[in-house]
Structure formats: C-alpha cells, structure tokens
Amino acid sequence: MNKTLVYMTVGSMDEARKIGRTLVEERLAACVNMIDGMQSLYWWENKIQQDREVILLAKTTENLVSRVIERVTSLHSYECPCIVSLPISGGNPAFLEWIEGEVRSSPPCP
C-alpha cells in the first residue's frame, strides 16, 4: 500500500488541533504534525493577501486520501482550503509499516 503525505494549511492552532485530532481519532491518518507561525502570501478576491497560518502534515495511505480531503473540507473554515497529497517514495521501512498499521482502509463499525 502506497504511503502519502497530505499537506494542509489552516488559520489557527485551534483549528489545526481540531482537524488533526479528528484525522487521527478516525484512523484516517497515523500522525498529524502541526507547524505554527507560517506566513503566507497569496492571491484571493483579486488582491494579494498576507496571513499567519498553521501547516498540517498528515501521514496516511494513498487509498485514504479522498476520505482525508472530504473530512478536512467538512471541518475547515476556509472556502477553498489548501489540501494536497504528496506520495512518499521512500523512508524508514519500520515507520512506513507503522503508518499502514495505524490507519484503516474501511470505516469503523457503528
């Protein structure tokens, strides 16, 4: 099973914690790193914006990316959130196995 890193940005650390905890609790990600204090410059509504944001990095499997995107979008405060998937092409084999062991490919039973 291919492993994937999902890169996301959010507007606050509170929002980052909420989204990160949800992804881990629902076994959509094995781990989510939250990096506070990023400065972003971007075009929005025909002008350049500058904001402070928080980066989220979720480690998951390729088959769960669409569910991660759907879940994050449902929780996110932005109209058009940054959520992109980057394939993991290598790394510590034990860590990559751990990712696979911590996520589930089917929804939990009710």
Foldseek 3Di string as FASTA:
>chain_A
DWKKKKKWKAADVVLVCVLQVVCQVQQLFVGKDKAFFDWDWDDDPRDIDIGGIIMIITIAGPLSLVVSVVSSVVSGPDPDIRIDMDTDPDDDPVVNVSGVVRHDNDGDDD
